[in-house]
């Protein structure tokens, strides 16, 4: 996938999830980054901010918030890596966006947990890989 395709896919997922989230602040920042309205290299600092929220949600035993923040973390890492930093996150980061998005959709108990991305539509061979 090219960078613009990756950022488009992330934007699609974030836009889908936003209405279901109580805490929208970092999702909205990620959305702006995916629209190239914020520099991708700032996603590294945003990841640190999201990570604190993930740890807090885990300690509070809040699986819905934890799933949201883990999804946000992986999006931030992916956008950061696309800025071609000197110290990127691991190379496999973008491959975790869809599985963590699926986990988040399941945690939200959405009627169609595959609906968060067009990459898992009914015609996709990948649809059943994340069950």
C-alpha atoms as a PDB file:
ATOM      1  CA  UNK A   1       0.000   0.000   0.000  1.00  0.00           C
ATOM      2  CA  UNK A   2       1.182   3.507  -0.755  1.00  0.00           C
ATOM      3  CA  UNK A   3       1.244   6.092   2.017  1.00  0.00           C
ATOM      4  CA  UNK A   4      -1.856   7.914   0.787  1.00  0.00           C
ATOM      5  CA  UNK A   5      -3.747   4.605   0.600  1.00  0.00           C
ATOM      6  CA  UNK A   6      -2.704   3.750   4.136  1.00  0.00           C
ATOM      7  CA  UNK A   7      -3.721   7.152   5.469  1.00  0.00           C
ATOM      8  CA  UNK A   8      -7.031   6.891   3.559  1.00  0.00           C
ATOM      9  CA  UNK A   9      -7.705   3.478   5.126  1.00  0.00           C
ATOM     10  CA  UNK A  10      -6.912   4.796   8.617  1.00  0.00           C
ATOM     11  CA  UNK A  11      -9.149   7.812   8.023  1.00  0.00           C
ATOM     12  CA  UNK A  12     -12.022   5.546   6.934  1.00  0.00           C
ATOM     13  CA  UNK A  13     -11.728   3.465  10.115  1.00  0.00           C
ATOM     14  CA  UNK A  14     -11.444   6.426  12.467  1.00  0.00           C
ATOM     15  CA  UNK A  15     -14.433   8.163  10.852  1.00  0.00           C
ATOM     16  CA  UNK A  16     -16.444   4.966  11.316  1.00  0.00           C
ATOM     17  CA  UNK A  17     -15.537   4.583  15.003  1.00  0.00           C
ATOM     18  CA  UNK A  18     -15.828   8.238  16.093  1.00  0.00           C
ATOM     19  CA  UNK A  19     -19.610   8.260  16.717  1.00  0.00           C
ATOM     20  CA  UNK A  20     -19.289   5.245  19.041  1.00  0.00           C
ATOM     21  CA  UNK A  21     -16.576   6.752  21.259  1.00  0.00           C
ATOM     22  CA  UNK A  22     -16.977   8.803  24.412  1.00  0.00           C
ATOM     23  CA  UNK A  23     -13.354   9.981  24.334  1.00  0.00           C
ATOM     24  CA  UNK A  24     -12.854  11.472  20.875  1.00  0.00           C
ATOM     25  CA  UNK A  25      -9.905  13.800  21.453  1.00  0.00           C
ATOM     26  CA  UNK A  26      -6.979  11.669  20.275  1.00  0.00           C
ATOM     27  CA  UNK A  27      -9.127  10.020  17.587  1.00  0.00           C
ATOM     28  CA  UNK A  28      -9.859  13.472  16.162  1.00  0.00           C
ATOM     29  CA  UNK A  29      -6.141  14.314  16.157  1.00  0.00           C
ATOM     30  CA  UNK A  30      -5.419  11.027  14.361  1.00  0.00           C
ATOM     31  CA  UNK A  31      -8.158  11.859  11.870  1.00  0.00           C
ATOM     32  CA  UNK A  32      -6.497  15.213  11.137  1.00  0.00           C
ATOM     33  CA  UNK A  33      -3.142  13.472  10.739  1.00  0.00           C
ATOM     34  CA  UNK A  34      -4.654  10.933   8.337  1.00  0.00           C
ATOM     35  CA  UNK A  35      -6.003  13.867   6.302  1.00  0.00           C
ATOM     36  CA  UNK A  36      -2.443  15.255   6.202  1.00  0.00           C
ATOM     37  CA  UNK A  37      -3.584  18.321   8.152  1.00  0.00           C
ATOM     38  CA  UNK A  38      -1.144  17.530  10.963  1.00  0.00           C
ATOM     39  CA  UNK A  39       2.450  16.373  10.432  1.00  0.00           C
ATOM     40  CA  UNK A  40       2.900  12.608  10.670  1.00  0.00           C
ATOM     41  CA  UNK A  41       6.128  12.991  12.640  1.00  0.00           C
ATOM     42  CA  UNK A  42       4.054  14.337  15.556  1.00  0.00           C
ATOM     43  CA  UNK A  43       2.313  10.964  15.778  1.00  0.00           C
ATOM     44  CA  UNK A  44       5.205   9.673  17.908  1.00  0.00           C
ATOM     45  CA  UNK A  45       4.355  12.134  20.683  1.00  0.00           C
ATOM     46  CA  UNK A  46       0.670  11.414  20.219  1.00  0.00           C
ATOM     47  CA  UNK A  47       1.394   7.701  20.640  1.00  0.00           C
ATOM     48  CA  UNK A  48       2.952   8.429  24.062  1.00  0.00           C
ATOM     49  CA  UNK A  49      -0.170  10.344  25.064  1.00  0.00           C
ATOM     50  CA  UNK A  50      -2.452   7.520  23.908  1.00  0.00           C
ATOM     51  CA  UNK A  51      -0.267   4.910  25.633  1.00  0.00           C
ATOM     52  CA  UNK A  52      -0.928   6.591  28.994  1.00  0.00           C
ATOM     53  CA  UNK A  53      -4.652   6.331  28.324  1.00  0.00           C
ATOM     54  CA  UNK A  54      -4.276   2.641  27.390  1.00  0.00           C
ATOM     55  CA  UNK A  55      -2.432   1.847  30.622  1.00  0.00           C
ATOM     56  CA  UNK A  56      -5.041   3.724  32.658  1.00  0.00           C
ATOM     57  CA  UNK A  57      -7.954   1.957  30.937  1.00  0.00           C
ATOM     58  CA  UNK A  58      -6.279  -1.416  31.491  1.00  0.00           C
ATOM     59  CA  UNK A  59      -5.765  -0.694  35.181  1.00  0.00           C
ATOM     60  CA  UNK A  60      -9.434   0.322  35.457  1.00  0.00           C
ATOM     61  CA  UNK A  61     -10.415  -2.933  33.727  1.00  0.00           C
ATOM     62  CA  UNK A  62     -12.258  -1.046  30.973  1.00  0.00           C
ATOM     63  CA  UNK A  63     -12.108  -3.353  27.930  1.00  0.00           C
ATOM     64  CA  UNK A  64     -13.966  -0.970  25.613  1.00  0.00           C
ATOM     65  CA  UNK A  65     -11.603   1.940  26.288  1.00  0.00           C
ATOM     66  CA  UNK A  66      -8.596  -0.382  26.180  1.00  0.00           C
ATOM     67  CA  UNK A  67      -9.634  -1.655  22.735  1.00  0.00           C
ATOM     68  CA  UNK A  68     -10.143   1.918  21.521  1.00  0.00           C
ATOM     69  CA  UNK A  69      -6.763   3.099  22.747  1.00  0.00           C
ATOM     70  CA  UNK A  70      -4.896   0.066  21.389  1.00  0.00           C
ATOM     71  CA  UNK A  71      -6.443   0.821  18.009  1.00  0.00           C
ATOM     72  CA  UNK A  72      -5.423   4.473  18.359  1.00  0.00           C
ATOM     73  CA  UNK A  73      -1.885   3.461  19.349  1.00  0.00           C
ATOM     74  CA  UNK A  74      -1.399   1.347  16.244  1.00  0.00           C
ATOM     75  CA  UNK A  75      -2.762   4.111  14.005  1.00  0.00           C
ATOM     76  CA  UNK A  76      -0.384   6.632  15.601  1.00  0.00           C
ATOM     77  CA  UNK A  77       2.571   4.258  15.187  1.00  0.00           C
ATOM     78  CA  UNK A  78       1.667   3.666  11.534  1.00  0.00           C
ATOM     79  CA  UNK A  79       1.374   7.372  10.740  1.00  0.00           C
ATOM     80  CA  UNK A  80       4.632   8.058  12.570  1.00  0.00           C
ATOM     81  CA  UNK A  81       6.468   5.381  10.585  1.00  0.00           C
ATOM     82  CA  UNK A  82       5.164   6.900   7.353  1.00  0.00           C
ATOM     83  CA  UNK A  83       7.067  10.096   8.220  1.00  0.00           C
ATOM     84  CA  UNK A  84      10.272   8.049   7.724  1.00  0.00           C
ATOM     85  CA  UNK A  85      11.750   8.809  11.168  1.00  0.00           C
ATOM     86  CA  UNK A  86      15.279   7.881  12.227  1.00  0.00           C
ATOM     87  CA  UNK A  87      13.875   5.584  14.938  1.00  0.00           C
ATOM     88  CA  UNK A  88      10.669   4.034  13.605  1.00  0.00           C
ATOM     89  CA  UNK A  89       8.405   1.609  15.400  1.00  0.00           C
ATOM     90  CA  UNK A  90       8.652  -2.013  14.197  1.00  0.00           C
ATOM     91  CA  UNK A  91       8.030  -2.747  10.519  1.00  0.00           C
ATOM     92  CA  UNK A  92       4.931  -4.854  11.191  1.00  0.00           C
ATOM     93  CA  UNK A  93       2.962  -1.953  12.741  1.00  0.00           C
ATOM     94  CA  UNK A  94       0.610  -1.318   9.764  1.00  0.00           C
ATOM     95  CA  UNK A  95      -0.401  -4.973   9.656  1.00  0.00           C
ATOM     96  CA  UNK A  96      -1.998  -4.646  13.110  1.00  0.00           C
ATOM     97  CA  UNK A  97      -4.373  -1.794  12.228  1.00  0.00           C
ATOM     98  CA  UNK A  98      -7.157  -4.006  10.863  1.00  0.00           C
ATOM     99  CA  UNK A  99      -6.945  -6.748  13.531  1.00  0.00           C
ATOM    100  CA  UNK A 100      -7.032  -4.156  16.332  1.00  0.00           C
ATOM    101  CA  UNK A 101      -9.843  -2.330  14.551  1.00  0.00           C
ATOM    102  CA  UNK A 102     -11.754  -5.604  14.371  1.00  0.00           C
ATOM    103  CA  UNK A 103     -11.158  -6.220  18.075  1.00  0.00           C
ATOM    104  CA  UNK A 104     -12.433  -2.703  18.816  1.00  0.00           C
ATOM    105  CA  UNK A 105     -15.531  -3.251  16.637  1.00  0.00           C
ATOM    106  CA  UNK A 106     -16.247  -6.498  18.496  1.00  0.00           C
ATOM    107  CA  UNK A 107     -15.824  -4.757  21.852  1.00  0.00           C
ATOM    108  CA  UNK A 108     -18.337  -2.135  20.719  1.00  0.00           C
ATOM    109  CA  UNK A 109     -20.714  -5.034  19.932  1.00  0.00           C
ATOM    110  CA  UNK A 110     -21.518  -3.606  16.532  1.00  0.00           C
ATOM    111  CA  UNK A 111     -23.992  -5.613  14.430  1.00  0.00           C
ATOM    112  CA  UNK A 112     -21.388  -5.927  11.647  1.00  0.00           C
ATOM    113  CA  UNK A 113     -17.900  -5.979  13.164  1.00  0.00           C
ATOM    114  CA  UNK A 114     -16.464  -5.942   9.632  1.00  0.00           C
ATOM    115  CA  UNK A 115     -18.177  -2.670   8.698  1.00  0.00           C
ATOM    116  CA  UNK A 116     -15.368  -0.445   9.979  1.00  0.00           C
ATOM    117  CA  UNK A 117     -13.317  -0.862   6.801  1.00  0.00           C
ATOM    118  CA  UNK A 118     -13.968  -1.463   3.129  1.00  0.00           C
ATOM    119  CA  UNK A 119     -10.906  -3.753   3.160  1.00  0.00           C
ATOM    120  CA  UNK A 120     -13.056  -6.440   4.780  1.00  0.00           C
ATOM    121  CA  UNK A 121     -16.171  -6.218   2.645  1.00  0.00           C
ATOM    122  CA  UNK A 122     -18.145  -9.304   1.671  1.00  0.00           C
ATOM    123  CA  UNK A 123     -16.020  -9.877  -1.431  1.00  0.00           C
ATOM    124  CA  UNK A 124     -12.723  -9.740   0.422  1.00  0.00           C
ATOM    125  CA  UNK A 125     -10.656 -12.889   0.870  1.00  0.00           C
ATOM    126  CA  UNK A 126      -9.329 -11.390   4.115  1.00  0.00           C
ATOM    127  CA  UNK A 127     -12.757 -11.169   5.781  1.00  0.00           C
ATOM    128  CA  UNK A 128     -12.370 -14.323   7.859  1.00  0.00           C
ATOM    129  CA  UNK A 129      -8.719 -13.977   8.845  1.00  0.00           C
ATOM    130  CA  UNK A 130      -9.506 -11.924  11.938  1.00  0.00           C
ATOM    131  CA  UNK A 131     -12.245 -14.016  13.510  1.00  0.00           C
END
